[in-house]
Amino acid sequence: MDRSYQRIMANRRARLAPVSEAVGEVFARAYGIAMQIIELRESRGLTQSDLAERCGIDQREISRIERGSTSPTARTLQRIVDAPDSDLRLVSGE
């Protein structure tokens, strides 16, 4: 039995591929949301603290959302976009 490093790592990558792919998709979506929130906030000349105060969400939560380390709920997203007088819309990614 071949126990080379390359063979072991190839087997490991094959086992992890489906999970890694799913995690990557979740991260990409969270990142996309984060970038849109940052762009919206900055286009209105708001700091994270300003946005947090306007929407009643803790500034630390805004920071976590913008870093992509948490995914906001639909209610949280609605509160964020309402604060700078914007609209929340779902659009096709295609």
PDB file of N, CA and C in Angstrom:
ATOM      1  N   MET A   1       0.836  -1.187   0.000  1.00  0.00           N
ATOM      2  CA  MET A   1       0.000   0.000   0.000  1.00  0.00           C
ATOM      3  C   MET A   1       0.874   1.241   0.000  1.00  0.00           C
ATOM      4  N   ASP A   2       0.598   2.136  -0.932  1.00  0.00           N
ATOM      5  CA  ASP A   2       1.355   3.373  -1.061  1.00  0.00           C
ATOM      6  C   ASP A   2       0.903   4.374   0.000  1.00  0.00           C
ATOM      7  N   ARG A   3       1.804   4.752   0.890  1.00  0.00           N
ATOM      8  CA  ARG A   3       1.473   5.686   1.968  1.00  0.00           C
ATOM      9  C   ARG A   3       2.223   7.006   1.777  1.00  0.00           C
ATOM     10  N   SER A   4       2.430   7.402   0.539  1.00  0.00           N
ATOM     11  CA  SER A   4       3.141   8.651   0.302  1.00  0.00           C
ATOM     12  C   SER A   4       2.282   9.838   0.744  1.00  0.00           C
ATOM     13  N   TYR A   5       2.961  10.909   1.023  1.00  0.00           N
ATOM     14  CA  TYR A   5       2.265  12.128   1.436  1.00  0.00           C
ATOM     15  C   TYR A   5       1.246  12.556   0.379  1.00  0.00           C
ATOM     16  N   GLN A   6       1.623  12.522  -0.874  1.00  0.00           N
ATOM     17  CA  GLN A   6       0.729  12.940  -1.943  1.00  0.00           C
ATOM     18  C   GLN A   6      -0.531  12.082  -1.986  1.00  0.00           C
ATOM     19  N   ARG A   7      -0.378  10.777  -1.821  1.00  0.00           N
ATOM     20  CA  ARG A   7      -1.526   9.875  -1.856  1.00  0.00           C
ATOM     21  C   ARG A   7      -2.445  10.145  -0.659  1.00  0.00           C
ATOM     22  N   ILE A   8      -1.863  10.306   0.517  1.00  0.00           N
ATOM     23  CA  ILE A   8      -2.660  10.574   1.729  1.00  0.00           C
ATOM     24  C   ILE A   8      -3.434  11.879   1.570  1.00  0.00           C
ATOM     25  N   MET A   9      -2.756  12.916   1.082  1.00  0.00           N
ATOM     26  CA  MET A   9      -3.423  14.210   0.924  1.00  0.00           C
ATOM     27  C   MET A   9      -4.485  14.168  -0.176  1.00  0.00           C
ATOM     28  N   ALA A  10      -4.240  13.431  -1.236  1.00  0.00           N
ATOM     29  CA  ALA A  10      -5.237  13.307  -2.300  1.00  0.00           C
ATOM     30  C   ALA A  10      -6.488  12.618  -1.765  1.00  0.00           C
ATOM     31  N   ASN A  11      -6.311  11.575  -0.973  1.00  0.00           N
ATOM     32  CA  ASN A  11      -7.458  10.886  -0.362  1.00  0.00           C
ATOM     33  C   ASN A  11      -8.213  11.819   0.584  1.00  0.00           C
ATOM     34  N   ARG A  12      -7.470  12.573   1.352  1.00  0.00           N
ATOM     35  CA  ARG A  12      -8.106  13.508   2.301  1.00  0.00           C
ATOM     36  C   ARG A  12      -8.896  14.579   1.554  1.00  0.00           C
ATOM     37  N   ARG A  13      -8.291  15.162   0.517  1.00  0.00           N
ATOM     38  CA  ARG A  13      -8.991  16.185  -0.268  1.00  0.00           C
ATOM     39  C   ARG A  13     -10.260  15.622  -0.902  1.00  0.00           C
ATOM     40  N   ALA A  14     -10.202  14.399  -1.384  1.00  0.00           N
ATOM     41  CA  ALA A  14     -11.375  13.766  -2.004  1.00  0.00           C
ATOM     42  C   ALA A  14     -12.507  13.596  -0.989  1.00  0.00           C
ATOM     43  N   ARG A  15     -12.155  13.242   0.245  1.00  0.00           N
ATOM     44  CA  ARG A  15     -13.183  13.074   1.291  1.00  0.00           C
ATOM     45  C   ARG A  15     -13.768  14.415   1.718  1.00  0.00           C
ATOM     46  N   LEU A  16     -12.958  15.449   1.739  1.00  0.00           N
ATOM     47  CA  LEU A  16     -13.404  16.753   2.230  1.00  0.00           C
ATOM     48  C   LEU A  16     -14.028  17.629   1.154  1.00  0.00           C
ATOM     49  N   ALA A  17     -13.860  17.290  -0.090  1.00  0.00           N
ATOM     50  CA  ALA A  17     -14.302  18.147  -1.190  1.00  0.00           C
ATOM     51  C   ALA A  17     -15.763  18.580  -1.086  1.00  0.00           C
ATOM     52  N   PRO A  18     -16.729  17.677  -0.883  1.00  0.00           N
ATOM     53  CA  PRO A  18     -18.125  18.131  -0.821  1.00  0.00           C
ATOM     54  C   PRO A  18     -18.385  19.106   0.332  1.00  0.00           C
ATOM     55  N   VAL A  19     -17.814  18.842   1.479  1.00  0.00           N
ATOM     56  CA  VAL A  19     -18.000  19.728   2.633  1.00  0.00           C
ATOM     57  C   VAL A  19     -17.329  21.070   2.369  1.00  0.00           C
ATOM     58  N   SER A  20     -16.108  21.023   1.863  1.00  0.00           N
ATOM     59  CA  SER A  20     -15.369  22.259   1.587  1.00  0.00           C
ATOM     60  C   SER A  20     -16.092  23.123   0.563  1.00  0.00           C
ATOM     61  N   GLU A  21     -16.656  22.479  -0.424  1.00  0.00           N
ATOM     62  CA  GLU A  21     -17.383  23.204  -1.462  1.00  0.00           C
ATOM     63  C   GLU A  21     -18.604  23.916  -0.876  1.00  0.00           C
ATOM     64  N   ALA A  22     -19.335  23.235  -0.022  1.00  0.00           N
ATOM     65  CA  ALA A  22     -20.517  23.825   0.606  1.00  0.00           C
ATOM     66  C   ALA A  22     -20.129  24.980   1.511  1.00  0.00           C
ATOM     67  N   VAL A  23     -19.072  24.819   2.278  1.00  0.00           N
ATOM     68  CA  VAL A  23     -18.600  25.889   3.159  1.00  0.00           C
ATOM     69  C   VAL A  23     -18.163  27.078   2.326  1.00  0.00           C
ATOM     70  N   GLY A  24     -17.503  26.819   1.222  1.00  0.00           N
ATOM     71  CA  GLY A  24     -17.068  27.893   0.326  1.00  0.00           C
ATOM     72  C   GLY A  24     -18.235  28.686  -0.227  1.00  0.00           C
ATOM     73  N   GLU A  25     -19.316  28.013  -0.577  1.00  0.00           N
ATOM     74  CA  GLU A  25     -20.503  28.697  -1.091  1.00  0.00           C
ATOM     75  C   GLU A  25     -21.128  29.594  -0.021  1.00  0.00           C
ATOM     76  N   VAL A  26     -21.227  29.089   1.202  1.00  0.00           N
ATOM     77  CA  VAL A  26     -21.778  29.875   2.304  1.00  0.00           C
ATOM     78  C   VAL A  26     -20.914  31.106   2.538  1.00  0.00           C
ATOM     79  N   PHE A  27     -19.601  30.929   2.541  1.00  0.00           N
ATOM     80  CA  PHE A  27     -18.690  32.045   2.742  1.00  0.00           C
ATOM     81  C   PHE A  27     -18.842  33.079   1.628  1.00  0.00           C
ATOM     82  N   ALA A  28     -18.940  32.621   0.391  1.00  0.00           N
ATOM     83  CA  ALA A  28     -19.064  33.545  -0.739  1.00  0.00           C
ATOM     84  C   ALA A  28     -20.341  34.373  -0.633  1.00  0.00           C
ATOM     85  N   ARG A  29     -21.429  33.757  -0.213  1.00  0.00           N
ATOM     86  CA  ARG A  29     -22.684  34.499  -0.053  1.00  0.00           C
ATOM     87  C   ARG A  29     -22.590  35.504   1.084  1.00  0.00           C
ATOM     88  N   ALA A  30     -22.022  35.085   2.213  1.00  0.00           N
ATOM     89  CA  ALA A  30     -21.860  35.994   3.352  1.00  0.00           C
ATOM     90  C   ALA A  30     -20.970  37.162   2.958  1.00  0.00           C
ATOM     91  N   TYR A  31     -19.916  36.893   2.200  1.00  0.00           N
ATOM     92  CA  TYR A  31     -19.011  37.942   1.751  1.00  0.00           C
ATOM     93  C   TYR A  31     -19.738  38.921   0.823  1.00  0.00           C
ATOM     94  N   GLY A  32     -20.563  38.391  -0.066  1.00  0.00           N
ATOM     95  CA  GLY A  32     -21.316  39.258  -0.972  1.00  0.00           C
ATOM     96  C   GLY A  32     -22.254  40.185  -0.223  1.00  0.00           C
ATOM     97  N   ILE A  33     -22.932  39.665   0.777  1.00  0.00           N
ATOM     98  CA  ILE A  33     -23.821  40.481   1.602  1.00  0.00           C
ATOM     99  C   ILE A  33     -23.004  41.527   2.344  1.00  0.00           C
ATOM    100  N   ALA A  34     -21.889  41.107   2.907  1.00  0.00           N
ATOM    101  CA  ALA A  34     -21.032  42.025   3.659  1.00  0.00           C
ATOM    102  C   ALA A  34     -20.573  43.184   2.782  1.00  0.00           C
ATOM    103  N   MET A  35     -20.140  42.888   1.581  1.00  0.00           N
ATOM    104  CA  MET A  35     -19.656  43.943   0.686  1.00  0.00           C
ATOM    105  C   MET A  35     -20.771  44.915   0.311  1.00  0.00           C
ATOM    106  N   GLN A  36     -21.972  44.410   0.119  1.00  0.00           N
ATOM    107  CA  GLN A  36     -23.092  45.299  -0.204  1.00  0.00           C
ATOM    108  C   GLN A  36     -23.427  46.213   0.966  1.00  0.00           C
ATOM    109  N   ILE A  37     -23.358  45.679   2.182  1.00  0.00           N
ATOM    110  CA  ILE A  37     -23.640  46.504   3.359  1.00  0.00           C
ATOM    111  C   ILE A  37     -22.569  47.578   3.515  1.00  0.00           C
ATOM    112  N   ILE A  38     -21.314  47.206   3.329  1.00  0.00           N
ATOM    113  CA  ILE A  38     -20.230  48.185   3.419  1.00  0.00           C
ATOM    114  C   ILE A  38     -20.412  49.276   2.375  1.00  0.00           C
ATOM    115  N   GLU A  39     -20.695  48.888   1.140  1.00  0.00           N
ATOM    116  CA  GLU A  39     -20.889  49.872   0.066  1.00  0.00           C
ATOM    117  C   GLU A  39     -22.055  50.799   0.373  1.00  0.00           C
ATOM    118  N   LEU A  40     -23.151  50.249   0.856  1.00  0.00           N
ATOM    119  CA  LEU A  40     -24.321  51.049   1.200  1.00  0.00           C
ATOM    120  C   LEU A  40     -23.975  52.033   2.316  1.00  0.00           C
ATOM    121  N   ARG A  41     -23.344  51.526   3.359  1.00  0.00           N
ATOM    122  CA  ARG A  41     -22.992  52.371   4.498  1.00  0.00           C
ATOM    123  C   ARG A  41     -22.045  53.494   4.076  1.00  0.00           C
ATOM    124  N   GLU A  42     -21.008  53.144   3.348  1.00  0.00           N
ATOM    125  CA  GLU A  42     -20.029  54.148   2.936  1.00  0.00           C
ATOM    126  C   GLU A  42     -20.602  55.146   1.936  1.00  0.00           C
ATOM    127  N   SER A  43     -21.499  54.697   1.065  1.00  0.00           N
ATOM    128  CA  SER A  43     -22.104  55.617   0.089  1.00  0.00           C
ATOM    129  C   SER A  43     -22.969  56.668   0.771  1.00  0.00           C
ATOM    130  N   ARG A  44     -23.434  56.344   1.975  1.00  0.00           N
ATOM    131  CA  ARG A  44     -24.231  57.297   2.754  1.00  0.00           C
ATOM    132  C   ARG A  44     -23.365  58.089   3.741  1.00  0.00           C
ATOM    133  N   GLY A  45     -22.051  57.842   3.716  1.00  0.00           N
ATOM    134  CA  GLY A  45     -21.131  58.546   4.595  1.00  0.00           C
ATOM    135  C   GLY A  45     -21.286  58.174   6.061  1.00  0.00           C
ATOM    136  N   LEU A  46     -21.677  56.918   6.318  1.00  0.00           N
ATOM    137  CA  LEU A  46     -21.912  56.469   7.685  1.00  0.00           C
ATOM    138  C   LEU A  46     -20.758  55.606   8.195  1.00  0.00           C
ATOM    139  N   THR A  47     -20.458  55.745   9.468  1.00  0.00           N
ATOM    140  CA  THR A  47     -19.536  54.817  10.125  1.00  0.00           C
ATOM    141  C   THR A  47     -20.352  53.627  10.597  1.00  0.00           C
ATOM    142  N   GLN A  48     -19.674  52.593  11.037  1.00  0.00           N
ATOM    143  CA  GLN A  48     -20.388  51.457  11.609  1.00  0.00           C
ATOM    144  C   GLN A  48     -21.212  51.902  12.813  1.00  0.00           C
ATOM    145  N   SER A  49     -20.653  52.786  13.624  1.00  0.00           N
ATOM    146  CA  SER A  49     -21.377  53.283  14.802  1.00  0.00           C
ATOM    147  C   SER A  49     -22.624  54.059  14.401  1.00  0.00           C
ATOM    148  N   ASP A  50     -22.500  54.891  13.357  1.00  0.00           N
ATOM    149  CA  ASP A  50     -23.664  55.641  12.869  1.00  0.00           C
ATOM    150  C   ASP A  50     -24.765  54.690  12.423  1.00  0.00           C
ATOM    151  N   LEU A  51     -24.390  53.698  11.624  1.00  0.00           N
ATOM    152  CA  LEU A  51     -25.365  52.735  11.123  1.00  0.00           C
ATOM    153  C   LEU A  51     -25.997  51.959  12.273  1.00  0.00           C
ATOM    154  N   ALA A  52     -25.169  51.526  13.213  1.00  0.00           N
ATOM    155  CA  ALA A  52     -25.671  50.771  14.362  1.00  0.00           C
ATOM    156  C   ALA A  52     -26.693  51.589  15.141  1.00  0.00           C
ATOM    157  N   GLU A  53     -26.399  52.849  15.354  1.00  0.00           N
ATOM    158  CA  GLU A  53     -27.317  53.715  16.101  1.00  0.00           C
ATOM    159  C   GLU A  53     -28.631  53.892  15.344  1.00  0.00           C
ATOM    160  N   ARG A  54     -28.541  54.091  14.035  1.00  0.00           N
ATOM    161  CA  ARG A  54     -29.749  54.312  13.238  1.00  0.00           C
ATOM    162  C   ARG A  54     -30.656  53.083  13.169  1.00  0.00           C
ATOM    163  N   CYS A  55     -30.062  51.894  13.156  1.00  0.00           N
ATOM    164  CA  CYS A  55     -30.893  50.697  12.997  1.00  0.00           C
ATOM    165  C   CYS A  55     -31.103  49.936  14.299  1.00  0.00           C
ATOM    166  N   GLY A  56     -30.514  50.413  15.379  1.00  0.00           N
ATOM    167  CA  GLY A  56     -30.737  49.769  16.670  1.00  0.00           C
ATOM    168  C   GLY A  56     -30.053  48.421  16.814  1.00  0.00           C
ATOM    169  N   ILE A  57     -28.935  48.266  16.139  1.00  0.00           N
ATOM    170  CA  ILE A  57     -28.145  47.040  16.215  1.00  0.00           C
ATOM    171  C   ILE A  57     -26.794  47.416  16.798  1.00  0.00           C
ATOM    172  N   ASP A  58     -26.261  46.569  17.636  1.00  0.00           N
ATOM    173  CA  ASP A  58     -24.970  46.830  18.246  1.00  0.00           C
ATOM    174  C   ASP A  58     -23.887  46.981  17.175  1.00  0.00           C
ATOM    175  N   GLN A  59     -22.986  47.925  17.347  1.00  0.00           N
ATOM    176  CA  GLN A  59     -21.912  48.165  16.388  1.00  0.00           C
ATOM    177  C   GLN A  59     -21.066  46.914  16.192  1.00  0.00           C
ATOM    178  N   ARG A  60     -20.868  46.132  17.248  1.00  0.00           N
ATOM    179  CA  ARG A  60     -20.076  44.899  17.121  1.00  0.00           C
ATOM    180  C   ARG A  60     -20.748  43.919  16.164  1.00  0.00           C
ATOM    181  N   GLU A  61     -22.078  43.894  16.157  1.00  0.00           N
ATOM    182  CA  GLU A  61     -22.807  43.012  15.237  1.00  0.00           C
ATOM    183  C   GLU A  61     -22.631  43.498  13.796  1.00  0.00           C
ATOM    184  N   ILE A  62     -22.682  44.816  13.581  1.00  0.00           N
ATOM    185  CA  ILE A  62     -22.430  45.372  12.247  1.00  0.00           C
ATOM    186  C   ILE A  62     -21.031  44.952  11.789  1.00  0.00           C
ATOM    187  N   SER A  63     -20.066  45.055  12.669  1.00  0.00           N
ATOM    188  CA  SER A  63     -18.698  44.678  12.338  1.00  0.00           C
ATOM    189  C   SER A  63     -18.599  43.204  11.966  1.00  0.00           C
ATOM    190  N   ARG A  64     -19.244  42.333  12.738  1.00  0.00           N
ATOM    191  CA  ARG A  64     -19.209  40.896  12.434  1.00  0.00           C
ATOM    192  C   ARG A  64     -19.850  40.599  11.081  1.00  0.00           C
ATOM    193  N   ILE A  65     -20.945  41.288  10.784  1.00  0.00           N
ATOM    194  CA  ILE A  65     -21.621  41.097   9.496  1.00  0.00           C
ATOM    195  C   ILE A  65     -20.707  41.554   8.365  1.00  0.00           C
ATOM    196  N   GLU A  66     -20.090  42.725   8.527  1.00  0.00           N
ATOM    197  CA  GLU A  66     -19.220  43.254   7.473  1.00  0.00           C
ATOM    198  C   GLU A  66     -17.965  42.417   7.281  1.00  0.00           C
ATOM    199  N   ARG A  67     -17.503  41.748   8.309  1.00  0.00           N
ATOM    200  CA  ARG A  67     -16.344  40.853   8.178  1.00  0.00           C
ATOM    201  C   ARG A  67     -16.740  39.507   7.597  1.00  0.00           C
ATOM    202  N   GLY A  68     -18.042  39.234   7.553  1.00  0.00           N
ATOM    203  CA  GLY A  68     -18.515  37.949   7.044  1.00  0.00           C
ATOM    204  C   GLY A  68     -18.415  36.842   8.071  1.00  0.00           C
ATOM    205  N   SER A  69     -18.215  37.208   9.341  1.00  0.00           N
ATOM    206  CA  SER A  69     -18.090  36.170  10.357  1.00  0.00           C
ATOM    207  C   SER A  69     -19.435  35.736  10.918  1.00  0.00           C
ATOM    208  N   THR A  70     -20.496  36.416  10.512  1.00  0.00           N
ATOM    209  CA  THR A  70     -21.851  35.998  10.873  1.00  0.00           C
ATOM    210  C   THR A  70     -22.778  36.347   9.720  1.00  0.00           C
ATOM    211  N   SER A  71     -23.817  35.587   9.577  1.00  0.00           N
ATOM    212  CA  SER A  71     -24.810  35.869   8.535  1.00  0.00           C
ATOM    213  C   SER A  71     -26.020  36.519   9.190  1.00  0.00           C
ATOM    214  N   PRO A  72     -26.398  37.683   8.719  1.00  0.00           N
ATOM    215  CA  PRO A  72     -27.539  38.363   9.324  1.00  0.00           C
ATOM    216  C   PRO A  72     -28.857  37.679   8.970  1.00  0.00           C
ATOM    217  N   THR A  73     -29.808  37.773   9.874  1.00  0.00           N
ATOM    218  CA  THR A  73     -31.150  37.267   9.593  1.00  0.00           C
ATOM    219  C   THR A  73     -31.826  38.230   8.617  1.00  0.00           C
ATOM    220  N   ALA A  74     -32.941  37.806   8.066  1.00  0.00           N
ATOM    221  CA  ALA A  74     -33.692  38.681   7.164  1.00  0.00           C
ATOM    222  C   ALA A  74     -34.146  39.932   7.903  1.00  0.00           C
ATOM    223  N   ARG A  75     -34.562  39.786   9.150  1.00  0.00           N
ATOM    224  CA  ARG A  75     -34.997  40.947   9.938  1.00  0.00           C
ATOM    225  C   ARG A  75     -33.843  41.931  10.161  1.00  0.00           C
ATOM    226  N   THR A  76     -32.667  41.406  10.470  1.00  0.00           N
ATOM    227  CA  THR A  76     -31.502  42.271  10.675  1.00  0.00           C
ATOM    228  C   THR A  76     -31.141  42.995   9.389  1.00  0.00           C
ATOM    229  N   LEU A  77     -31.154  42.277   8.275  1.00  0.00           N
ATOM    230  CA  LEU A  77     -30.880  42.920   6.982  1.00  0.00           C
ATOM    231  C   LEU A  77     -31.872  44.042   6.709  1.00  0.00           C
ATOM    232  N   GLN A  78     -33.137  43.790   6.990  1.00  0.00           N
ATOM    233  CA  GLN A  78     -34.153  44.811   6.756  1.00  0.00           C
ATOM    234  C   GLN A  78     -33.897  46.039   7.614  1.00  0.00           C
ATOM    235  N   ARG A  79     -33.520  45.845   8.855  1.00  0.00           N
ATOM    236  CA  ARG A  79     -33.217  46.968   9.749  1.00  0.00           C
ATOM    237  C   ARG A  79     -32.014  47.754   9.241  1.00  0.00           C
ATOM    238  N   ILE A  80     -31.008  47.043   8.729  1.00  0.00           N
ATOM    239  CA  ILE A  80     -29.801  47.713   8.223  1.00  0.00           C
ATOM    240  C   ILE A  80     -30.121  48.560   7.003  1.00  0.00           C
ATOM    241  N   VAL A  81     -30.866  48.017   6.053  1.00  0.00           N
ATOM    242  CA  VAL A  81     -31.135  48.785   4.835  1.00  0.00           C
ATOM    243  C   VAL A  81     -32.164  49.887   5.065  1.00  0.00           C
ATOM    244  N   ASP A  82     -33.038  49.725   6.039  1.00  0.00           N
ATOM    245  CA  ASP A  82     -33.993  50.785   6.348  1.00  0.00           C
ATOM    246  C   ASP A  82     -33.303  52.005   6.958  1.00  0.00           C
ATOM    247  N   ALA A  83     -32.241  51.783   7.698  1.00  0.00           N
ATOM    248  CA  ALA A  83     -31.561  52.872   8.400  1.00  0.00           C
ATOM    249  C   ALA A  83     -31.059  53.963   7.450  1.00  0.00           C
ATOM    250  N   PRO A  84     -30.365  53.628   6.361  1.00  0.00           N
ATOM    251  CA  PRO A  84     -29.941  54.691   5.441  1.00  0.00           C
ATOM    252  C   PRO A  84     -30.971  54.950   4.338  1.00  0.00           C
ATOM    253  N   ASP A  85     -32.235  54.582   4.591  1.00  0.00           N
ATOM    254  CA  ASP A  85     -33.324  54.818   3.650  1.00  0.00           C
ATOM    255  C   ASP A  85     -33.050  54.167   2.300  1.00  0.00           C
ATOM    256  N   SER A  86     -32.867  52.858   2.324  1.00  0.00           N
ATOM    257  CA  SER A  86     -32.614  52.080   1.119  1.00  0.00           C
ATOM    258  C   SER A  86     -33.645  50.968   1.031  1.00  0.00           C
ATOM    259  N   ASP A  87     -33.563  50.146  -0.003  1.00  0.00           N
ATOM    260  CA  ASP A  87     -34.464  49.021  -0.194  1.00  0.00           C
ATOM    261  C   ASP A  87     -33.693  47.724  -0.171  1.00  0.00           C
ATOM    262  N   LEU A  88     -34.318  46.692   0.356  1.00  0.00           N
ATOM    263  CA  LEU A  88     -33.744  45.349   0.312  1.00  0.00           C
ATOM    264  C   LEU A  88     -34.415  44.632  -0.853  1.00  0.00           C
ATOM    265  N   ARG A  89     -33.597  44.156  -1.794  1.00  0.00           N
ATOM    266  CA  ARG A  89     -34.129  43.473  -2.973  1.00  0.00           C
ATOM    267  C   ARG A  89     -33.339  42.195  -3.222  1.00  0.00           C
ATOM    268  N   LEU A  90     -34.041  41.205  -3.662  1.00  0.00           N
ATOM    269  CA  LEU A  90     -33.395  39.963  -4.072  1.00  0.00           C
ATOM    270  C   LEU A  90     -33.293  39.973  -5.592  1.00  0.00           C
ATOM    271  N   VAL A  91     -32.098  39.734  -6.082  1.00  0.00           N
ATOM    272  CA  VAL A  91     -31.903  39.713  -7.527  1.00  0.00           C
ATOM    273  C   VAL A  91     -31.230  38.411  -7.915  1.00  0.00           C
ATOM    274  N   SER A  92     -31.461  37.999  -9.112  1.00  0.00           N
ATOM    275  CA  SER A  92     -30.865  36.770  -9.620  1.00  0.00           C
ATOM    276  C   SER A  92     -29.365  36.945  -9.753  1.00  0.00           C
ATOM    277  N   GLY A  93     -28.620  35.924  -9.352  1.00  0.00           N
ATOM    278  CA  GLY A  93     -27.171  35.961  -9.465  1.00  0.00           C
ATOM    279  C   GLY A  93     -26.687  35.567 -10.835  1.00  0.00           C
ATOM    280  N   GLU A  94     -27.578  35.314 -11.746  1.00  0.00           N
ATOM    281  CA  GLU A  94     -27.204  34.864 -13.089  1.00  0.00           C
ATOM    282  C   GLU A  94     -27.032  36.015 -14.031  1.00  0.00           C
TER     283      GLU A  94
END
